[in-house]
C-alpha atoms as a PDB file:
ATOM      1  CA  UNK A   1      -0.019   0.107   0.028  1.00  0.00           C
ATOM      2  CA  UNK A   2       2.848   2.331   0.679  1.00  0.00           C
ATOM      3  CA  UNK A   3       4.272   1.780  -2.606  1.00  0.00           C
ATOM      4  CA  UNK A   4       0.876   2.530  -4.345  1.00  0.00           C
ATOM      5  CA  UNK A   5       0.500   5.732  -2.402  1.00  0.00           C
ATOM      6  CA  UNK A   6       3.839   6.876  -3.525  1.00  0.00           C
ATOM      7  CA  UNK A   7       3.014   6.292  -7.061  1.00  0.00           C
ATOM      8  CA  UNK A   8      -0.213   8.024  -7.050  1.00  0.00           C
ATOM      9  CA  UNK A   9       1.280  11.123  -5.474  1.00  0.00           C
ATOM     10  CA  UNK A  10       4.031  10.939  -8.060  1.00  0.00           C
ATOM     11  CA  UNK A  11       1.332  11.166 -10.888  1.00  0.00           C
ATOM     12  CA  UNK A  12       0.225  14.533  -9.813  1.00  0.00           C
ATOM     13  CA  UNK A  13       3.245  16.028 -10.584  1.00  0.00           C
ATOM     14  CA  UNK A  14       3.860  17.392 -14.219  1.00  0.00           C
ATOM     15  CA  UNK A  15       7.205  17.768 -15.746  1.00  0.00           C
ATOM     16  CA  UNK A  16       9.149  20.795 -14.095  1.00  0.00           C
ATOM     17  CA  UNK A  17      11.717  23.200 -15.195  1.00  0.00           C
ATOM     18  CA  UNK A  18      15.478  22.698 -14.132  1.00  0.00           C
ATOM     19  CA  UNK A  19      15.380  22.510 -10.479  1.00  0.00           C
ATOM     20  CA  UNK A  20      18.870  23.168  -9.466  1.00  0.00           C
ATOM     21  CA  UNK A  21      22.729  23.688 -10.808  1.00  0.00           C
ATOM     22  CA  UNK A  22      22.541  26.897 -12.905  1.00  0.00           C
ATOM     23  CA  UNK A  23      20.533  27.503 -16.067  1.00  0.00           C
ATOM     24  CA  UNK A  24      22.487  29.384 -18.825  1.00  0.00           C
ATOM     25  CA  UNK A  25      20.651  29.204 -21.933  1.00  0.00           C
ATOM     26  CA  UNK A  26      18.196  27.165 -24.186  1.00  0.00           C
ATOM     27  CA  UNK A  27      19.183  25.937 -27.584  1.00  0.00           C
ATOM     28  CA  UNK A  28      22.788  26.950 -26.919  1.00  0.00           C
ATOM     29  CA  UNK A  29      25.396  25.979 -29.733  1.00  0.00           C
ATOM     30  CA  UNK A  30      29.135  25.523 -29.421  1.00  0.00           C
ATOM     31  CA  UNK A  31      29.247  26.691 -25.655  1.00  0.00           C
ATOM     32  CA  UNK A  32      32.828  27.144 -24.060  1.00  0.00           C
ATOM     33  CA  UNK A  33      33.891  27.735 -20.341  1.00  0.00           C
ATOM     34  CA  UNK A  34      36.702  29.729 -19.046  1.00  0.00           C
ATOM     35  CA  UNK A  35      37.697  30.178 -15.353  1.00  0.00           C
ATOM     36  CA  UNK A  36      40.249  32.930 -13.838  1.00  0.00           C
ATOM     37  CA  UNK A  37      42.188  32.938 -10.719  1.00  0.00           C
ATOM     38  CA  UNK A  38      39.656  34.591  -8.749  1.00  0.00           C
ATOM     39  CA  UNK A  39      36.975  32.147  -9.332  1.00  0.00           C
ATOM     40  CA  UNK A  40      34.924  33.918 -11.925  1.00  0.00           C
ATOM     41  CA  UNK A  41      33.835  31.748 -14.838  1.00  0.00           C
ATOM     42  CA  UNK A  42      32.678  33.101 -18.250  1.00  0.00           C
ATOM     43  CA  UNK A  43      30.304  30.836 -20.257  1.00  0.00           C
ATOM     44  CA  UNK A  44      29.814  31.652 -24.137  1.00  0.00           C
ATOM     45  CA  UNK A  45      27.760  30.214 -26.692  1.00  0.00           C
ATOM     46  CA  UNK A  46      26.002  31.050 -29.793  1.00  0.00           C
ATOM     47  CA  UNK A  47      22.232  31.487 -30.007  1.00  0.00           C
ATOM     48  CA  UNK A  48      19.774  30.444 -32.574  1.00  0.00           C
ATOM     49  CA  UNK A  49      20.905  33.504 -34.760  1.00  0.00           C
ATOM     50  CA  UNK A  50      24.487  32.584 -34.419  1.00  0.00           C
ATOM     51  CA  UNK A  51      25.195  35.611 -32.133  1.00  0.00           C
ATOM     52  CA  UNK A  52      27.936  34.928 -29.580  1.00  0.00           C
ATOM     53  CA  UNK A  53      26.542  35.501 -26.178  1.00  0.00           C
ATOM     54  CA  UNK A  54      28.429  35.371 -22.699  1.00  0.00           C
ATOM     55  CA  UNK A  55      27.483  35.346 -19.080  1.00  0.00           C
ATOM     56  CA  UNK A  56      29.862  35.828 -16.330  1.00  0.00           C
ATOM     57  CA  UNK A  57      29.281  33.469 -13.057  1.00  0.00           C
ATOM     58  CA  UNK A  58      30.990  35.184  -9.912  1.00  0.00           C
ATOM     59  CA  UNK A  59      32.068  33.213  -6.941  1.00  0.00           C
ATOM     60  CA  UNK A  60      28.862  34.138  -5.378  1.00  0.00           C
ATOM     61  CA  UNK A  61      25.726  36.277  -6.030  1.00  0.00           C
ATOM     62  CA  UNK A  62      23.965  36.920  -9.453  1.00  0.00           C
ATOM     63  CA  UNK A  63      25.106  35.949 -12.693  1.00  0.00           C
ATOM     64  CA  UNK A  64      26.040  38.915 -15.116  1.00  0.00           C
ATOM     65  CA  UNK A  65      24.819  38.509 -18.667  1.00  0.00           C
ATOM     66  CA  UNK A  66      27.156  39.912 -21.069  1.00  0.00           C
ATOM     67  CA  UNK A  67      30.026  39.547 -18.531  1.00  0.00           C
ATOM     68  CA  UNK A  68      33.809  38.791 -19.649  1.00  0.00           C
ATOM     69  CA  UNK A  69      36.832  37.670 -17.690  1.00  0.00           C
ATOM     70  CA  UNK A  70      39.355  40.128 -16.827  1.00  0.00           C
ATOM     71  CA  UNK A  71      41.933  37.675 -16.085  1.00  0.00           C
ATOM     72  CA  UNK A  72      43.502  34.727 -18.114  1.00  0.00           C
ATOM     73  CA  UNK A  73      41.816  31.295 -17.916  1.00  0.00           C
ATOM     74  CA  UNK A  74      43.644  29.288 -15.416  1.00  0.00           C
ATOM     75  CA  UNK A  75      41.390  26.065 -15.883  1.00  0.00           C
ATOM     76  CA  UNK A  76      42.437  22.901 -17.522  1.00  0.00           C
ATOM     77  CA  UNK A  77      40.245  20.162 -19.235  1.00  0.00           C
ATOM     78  CA  UNK A  78      39.838  16.966 -16.967  1.00  0.00           C
ATOM     79  CA  UNK A  79      38.510  13.410 -17.944  1.00  0.00           C
ATOM     80  CA  UNK A  80      35.589  12.835 -15.781  1.00  0.00           C
ATOM     81  CA  UNK A  81      32.655  10.531 -16.557  1.00  0.00           C
ATOM     82  CA  UNK A  82      30.065  13.065 -16.057  1.00  0.00           C
ATOM     83  CA  UNK A  83      26.702  12.398 -17.592  1.00  0.00           C
ATOM     84  CA  UNK A  84      25.511  14.959 -20.301  1.00  0.00           C
ATOM     85  CA  UNK A  85      28.671  16.767 -20.154  1.00  0.00           C
ATOM     86  CA  UNK A  86      29.876  19.234 -22.730  1.00  0.00           C
ATOM     87  CA  UNK A  87      33.185  20.379 -20.951  1.00  0.00           C
ATOM     88  CA  UNK A  88      34.694  19.566 -17.546  1.00  0.00           C
ATOM     89  CA  UNK A  89      37.535  21.813 -16.233  1.00  0.00           C
ATOM     90  CA  UNK A  90      39.669  21.844 -13.179  1.00  0.00           C
ATOM     91  CA  UNK A  91      41.287  24.896 -11.555  1.00  0.00           C
ATOM     92  CA  UNK A  92      44.570  24.822  -9.499  1.00  0.00           C
ATOM     93  CA  UNK A  93      42.779  25.038  -6.136  1.00  0.00           C
ATOM     94  CA  UNK A  94      41.156  21.479  -6.993  1.00  0.00           C
ATOM     95  CA  UNK A  95      37.573  22.775  -7.945  1.00  0.00           C
ATOM     96  CA  UNK A  96      35.701  21.460 -10.799  1.00  0.00           C
ATOM     97  CA  UNK A  97      33.773  23.338 -13.318  1.00  0.00           C
ATOM     98  CA  UNK A  98      31.114  21.712 -15.870  1.00  0.00           C
ATOM     99  CA  UNK A  99      28.885  22.551 -18.522  1.00  0.00           C
ATOM    100  CA  UNK A 100      26.077  20.175 -19.355  1.00  0.00           C
ATOM    101  CA  UNK A 101      23.291  20.000 -21.641  1.00  0.00           C
ATOM    102  CA  UNK A 102      19.994  17.881 -21.385  1.00  0.00           C
ATOM    103  CA  UNK A 103      16.214  18.307 -22.469  1.00  0.00           C
ATOM    104  CA  UNK A 104      14.558  19.443 -19.181  1.00  0.00           C
ATOM    105  CA  UNK A 105      11.008  19.763 -20.443  1.00  0.00           C
ATOM    106  CA  UNK A 106       9.866  17.533 -23.425  1.00  0.00           C
ATOM    107  CA  UNK A 107       9.382  19.486 -26.465  1.00  0.00           C
ATOM    108  CA  UNK A 108      11.489  22.479 -25.440  1.00  0.00           C
ATOM    109  CA  UNK A 109      15.075  23.059 -26.452  1.00  0.00           C
ATOM    110  CA  UNK A 110      18.037  21.470 -24.703  1.00  0.00           C
ATOM    111  CA  UNK A 111      19.124  23.745 -21.599  1.00  0.00           C
ATOM    112  CA  UNK A 112      22.724  24.389 -20.802  1.00  0.00           C
ATOM    113  CA  UNK A 113      23.707  24.227 -17.266  1.00  0.00           C
ATOM    114  CA  UNK A 114      26.749  25.353 -15.174  1.00  0.00           C
ATOM    115  CA  UNK A 115      28.180  23.741 -12.172  1.00  0.00           C
ATOM    116  CA  UNK A 116      31.305  24.185  -9.884  1.00  0.00           C
ATOM    117  CA  UNK A 117      32.119  21.710  -6.857  1.00  0.00           C
ATOM    118  CA  UNK A 118      34.656  19.784  -5.224  1.00  0.00           C
ATOM    119  CA  UNK A 119      34.967  15.865  -5.161  1.00  0.00           C
ATOM    120  CA  UNK A 120      32.691  13.323  -6.381  1.00  0.00           C
ATOM    121  CA  UNK A 121      29.835  14.639  -8.526  1.00  0.00           C
ATOM    122  CA  UNK A 122      25.989  14.173  -7.611  1.00  0.00           C
ATOM    123  CA  UNK A 123      24.910  10.496  -8.178  1.00  0.00           C
ATOM    124  CA  UNK A 124      21.518   8.974  -8.616  1.00  0.00           C
ATOM    125  CA  UNK A 125      20.859   5.428  -8.185  1.00  0.00           C
ATOM    126  CA  UNK A 126      17.625   3.481  -9.464  1.00  0.00           C
ATOM    127  CA  UNK A 127      16.154   0.016  -9.958  1.00  0.00           C
ATOM    128  CA  UNK A 128      12.873  -1.543 -11.283  1.00  0.00           C
ATOM    129  CA  UNK A 129      11.233  -3.487  -8.760  1.00  0.00           C
ATOM    130  CA  UNK A 130       8.510  -5.845  -9.090  1.00  0.00           C
ATOM    131  CA  UNK A 131       5.885  -5.717  -8.188  1.00  0.00           C
ATOM    132  CA  UNK A 132       3.384  -3.312  -6.293  1.00  0.00           C
ATOM    133  CA  UNK A 133      -0.391  -3.640  -7.212  1.00  0.00           C
ATOM    134  CA  UNK A 134       0.829  -5.689 -10.131  1.00  0.00           C
ATOM    135  CA  UNK A 135       2.801  -2.971 -11.504  1.00  0.00           C
ATOM    136  CA  UNK A 136       6.721  -2.614 -11.671  1.00  0.00           C
ATOM    137  CA  UNK A 137       7.963   0.281  -9.689  1.00  0.00           C
ATOM    138  CA  UNK A 138      10.883   2.322 -10.193  1.00  0.00           C
ATOM    139  CA  UNK A 139      12.584   3.360  -7.135  1.00  0.00           C
ATOM    140  CA  UNK A 140      16.051   4.969  -5.943  1.00  0.00           C
ATOM    141  CA  UNK A 141      17.797   7.887  -4.395  1.00  0.00           C
ATOM    142  CA  UNK A 142      20.005  10.906  -4.893  1.00  0.00           C
ATOM    143  CA  UNK A 143      23.127  12.029  -3.039  1.00  0.00           C
ATOM    144  CA  UNK A 144      25.843  14.497  -3.387  1.00  0.00           C
ATOM    145  CA  UNK A 145      28.976  14.713  -1.322  1.00  0.00           C
ATOM    146  CA  UNK A 146      27.665  11.702   1.060  1.00  0.00           C
ATOM    147  CA  UNK A 147      24.625  13.588   1.727  1.00  0.00           C
ATOM    148  CA  UNK A 148      21.047  12.862   0.549  1.00  0.00           C
ATOM    149  CA  UNK A 149      19.681  15.184  -2.067  1.00  0.00           C
ATOM    150  CA  UNK A 150      15.913  16.397  -1.285  1.00  0.00           C
ATOM    151  CA  UNK A 151      13.746  19.274  -0.403  1.00  0.00           C
ATOM    152  CA  UNK A 152      14.500  22.912  -1.877  1.00  0.00           C
ATOM    153  CA  UNK A 153      17.587  24.457  -3.190  1.00  0.00           C
ATOM    154  CA  UNK A 154      18.250  28.252  -4.152  1.00  0.00           C
ATOM    155  CA  UNK A 155      19.657  29.769  -7.312  1.00  0.00           C
ATOM    156  CA  UNK A 156      22.055  32.668  -7.175  1.00  0.00           C
ATOM    157  CA  UNK A 157      19.075  34.953  -7.865  1.00  0.00           C
ATOM    158  CA  UNK A 158      17.494  33.964  -4.769  1.00  0.00           C
ATOM    159  CA  UNK A 159      14.642  31.468  -6.151  1.00  0.00           C
ATOM    160  CA  UNK A 160      13.780  28.641  -4.284  1.00  0.00           C
ATOM    161  CA  UNK A 161      13.158  25.689  -6.390  1.00  0.00           C
ATOM    162  CA  UNK A 162      12.201  21.938  -5.359  1.00  0.00           C
ATOM    163  CA  UNK A 163      14.528  19.054  -6.258  1.00  0.00           C
ATOM    164  CA  UNK A 164      13.055  16.573  -8.561  1.00  0.00           C
ATOM    165  CA  UNK A 165      13.799  13.349 -10.164  1.00  0.00           C
ATOM    166  CA  UNK A 166      12.890  13.305 -13.924  1.00  0.00           C
ATOM    167  CA  UNK A 167      11.957   9.959 -15.137  1.00  0.00           C
ATOM    168  CA  UNK A 168      11.742   9.003 -18.732  1.00  0.00           C
ATOM    169  CA  UNK A 169      10.995   5.664 -20.618  1.00  0.00           C
ATOM    170  CA  UNK A 170      12.610   4.529 -23.953  1.00  0.00           C
ATOM    171  CA  UNK A 171      10.533   2.608 -26.552  1.00  0.00           C
ATOM    172  CA  UNK A 172       7.181   3.118 -24.578  1.00  0.00           C
ATOM    173  CA  UNK A 173       3.865   4.309 -25.805  1.00  0.00           C
ATOM    174  CA  UNK A 174       4.907   7.775 -25.028  1.00  0.00           C
ATOM    175  CA  UNK A 175       7.543   7.601 -27.799  1.00  0.00           C
ATOM    176  CA  UNK A 176       8.086   4.362 -29.319  1.00  0.00           C
ATOM    177  CA  UNK A 177      11.324   5.505 -31.147  1.00  0.00           C
ATOM    178  CA  UNK A 178      13.125   7.244 -28.408  1.00  0.00           C
ATOM    179  CA  UNK A 179      12.816   8.606 -24.936  1.00  0.00           C
ATOM    180  CA  UNK A 180       9.368   9.724 -23.439  1.00  0.00           C
ATOM    181  CA  UNK A 181       8.862  11.818 -20.236  1.00  0.00           C
ATOM    182  CA  UNK A 182       6.961   9.934 -17.612  1.00  0.00           C
ATOM    183  CA  UNK A 183       6.815  12.236 -14.620  1.00  0.00           C
ATOM    184  CA  UNK A 184       8.770  14.478 -12.351  1.00  0.00           C
ATOM    185  CA  UNK A 185       8.970  13.209  -8.842  1.00  0.00           C
ATOM    186  CA  UNK A 186       9.823  14.824  -5.725  1.00  0.00           C
ATOM    187  CA  UNK A 187      13.086  13.650  -3.835  1.00  0.00           C
ATOM    188  CA  UNK A 188      11.946  12.693  -0.487  1.00  0.00           C
ATOM    189  CA  UNK A 189      13.477  13.384   3.087  1.00  0.00           C
ATOM    190  CA  UNK A 190      15.330  12.143   4.815  1.00  0.00           C
ATOM    191  CA  UNK A 191      17.099  10.066   2.414  1.00  0.00           C
ATOM    192  CA  UNK A 192      16.773  11.424  -1.071  1.00  0.00           C
ATOM    193  CA  UNK A 193      14.707   8.558  -2.408  1.00  0.00           C
ATOM    194  CA  UNK A 194      11.902   8.356  -4.880  1.00  0.00           C
ATOM    195  CA  UNK A 195       9.459   5.907  -6.233  1.00  0.00           C
ATOM    196  CA  UNK A 196       7.178   5.727  -9.123  1.00  0.00           C
ATOM    197  CA  UNK A 197       4.741   2.880 -10.352  1.00  0.00           C
ATOM    198  CA  UNK A 198       5.015   2.179 -14.141  1.00  0.00           C
ATOM    199  CA  UNK A 199       1.737   2.743 -15.959  1.00  0.00           C
ATOM    200  CA  UNK A 200       1.145   0.481 -18.724  1.00  0.00           C
ATOM    201  CA  UNK A 201       1.778   3.179 -21.602  1.00  0.00           C
ATOM    202  CA  UNK A 202       4.952   3.825 -19.752  1.00  0.00           C
ATOM    203  CA  UNK A 203       6.367   0.355 -20.013  1.00  0.00           C
ATOM    204  CA  UNK A 204       9.579   0.373 -22.286  1.00  0.00           C
ATOM    205  CA  UNK A 205      12.885  -1.332 -22.977  1.00  0.00           C
ATOM    206  CA  UNK A 206      14.693   0.836 -20.400  1.00  0.00           C
ATOM    207  CA  UNK A 207      14.286   3.768 -18.068  1.00  0.00           C
ATOM    208  CA  UNK A 208      16.514   6.892 -17.203  1.00  0.00           C
ATOM    209  CA  UNK A 209      16.288   9.044 -14.169  1.00  0.00           C
ATOM    210  CA  UNK A 210      17.902  12.483 -14.088  1.00  0.00           C
ATOM    211  CA  UNK A 211      18.453  14.876 -11.395  1.00  0.00           C
ATOM    212  CA  UNK A 212      19.574  18.426 -11.383  1.00  0.00           C
ATOM    213  CA  UNK A 213      22.568  19.110  -8.782  1.00  0.00           C
ATOM    214  CA  UNK A 214      21.895  20.690  -5.616  1.00  0.00           C
ATOM    215  CA  UNK A 215      23.110  24.300  -4.835  1.00  0.00           C
ATOM    216  CA  UNK A 216      24.849  24.566  -1.299  1.00  0.00           C
ATOM    217  CA  UNK A 217      26.209  28.013  -0.765  1.00  0.00           C
ATOM    218  CA  UNK A 218      29.005  28.771  -3.507  1.00  0.00           C
ATOM    219  CA  UNK A 219      28.792  25.240  -4.252  1.00  0.00           C
ATOM    220  CA  UNK A 220      26.688  24.394  -7.675  1.00  0.00           C
ATOM    221  CA  UNK A 221      26.475  20.614  -7.931  1.00  0.00           C
ATOM    222  CA  UNK A 222      26.527  19.065 -11.492  1.00  0.00           C
ATOM    223  CA  UNK A 223      23.592  17.148 -12.696  1.00  0.00           C
ATOM    224  CA  UNK A 224      23.215  13.353 -12.474  1.00  0.00           C
ATOM    225  CA  UNK A 225      21.544  10.554 -14.598  1.00  0.00           C
ATOM    226  CA  UNK A 226      21.425   6.944 -14.562  1.00  0.00           C
ATOM    227  CA  UNK A 227      19.643   4.198 -16.880  1.00  0.00           C
ATOM    228  CA  UNK A 228      18.151   0.939 -15.861  1.00  0.00           C
ATOM    229  CA  UNK A 229      16.690  -1.901 -18.109  1.00  0.00           C
ATOM    230  CA  UNK A 230      13.313  -3.445 -17.831  1.00  0.00           C
ATOM    231  CA  UNK A 231      13.347  -6.738 -16.187  1.00  0.00           C
ATOM    232  CA  UNK A 232      12.718  -9.616 -18.396  1.00  0.00           C
END
């Protein structure tokens, strides 16, 4: 019964915009990232008309559209298995900086997200469990820095946003040739867990769960994603 109630509650949620990390632009092309010794990051990209745009991300506070670095780029590329990554860089102080791109809202352009953090990236684990009310259930949890991810997070502009697991199915009735969005599910306290009953139209070959990284002070955690197969 508890699993059934969780599934029903999740059904009430509609797909939501990006919940955390830092949204930079939608439909961005050829994005680039530079970081100076003071910890200012410059993100640049081309918009739909081919115009080069920039935004400056300060160590704290609001983003500065049109801003540029005043110092040289001290970051270097680093190999890191980060999902949805475009670029990952490291600065001499050990911090990691990344640009990721993914389609947060079905039917909308892909969003470009910025993050900066230390240590291991955000992690989301999931599995398909059989069965609750004769239906399979997708369940899992999200963590960052060894701590569960749940509740609300804040953007540099001071907006509070709810942390959500975005669940998609592949080859299901929503999109038989690709990925279709099932629902956005709240990450629950105290352990950052989530659960969702799989309705018949959602049954597919596999499923994926994407979570936007939480923002904790000056730490802007990267986004996480995992895929799980449909059990035989």
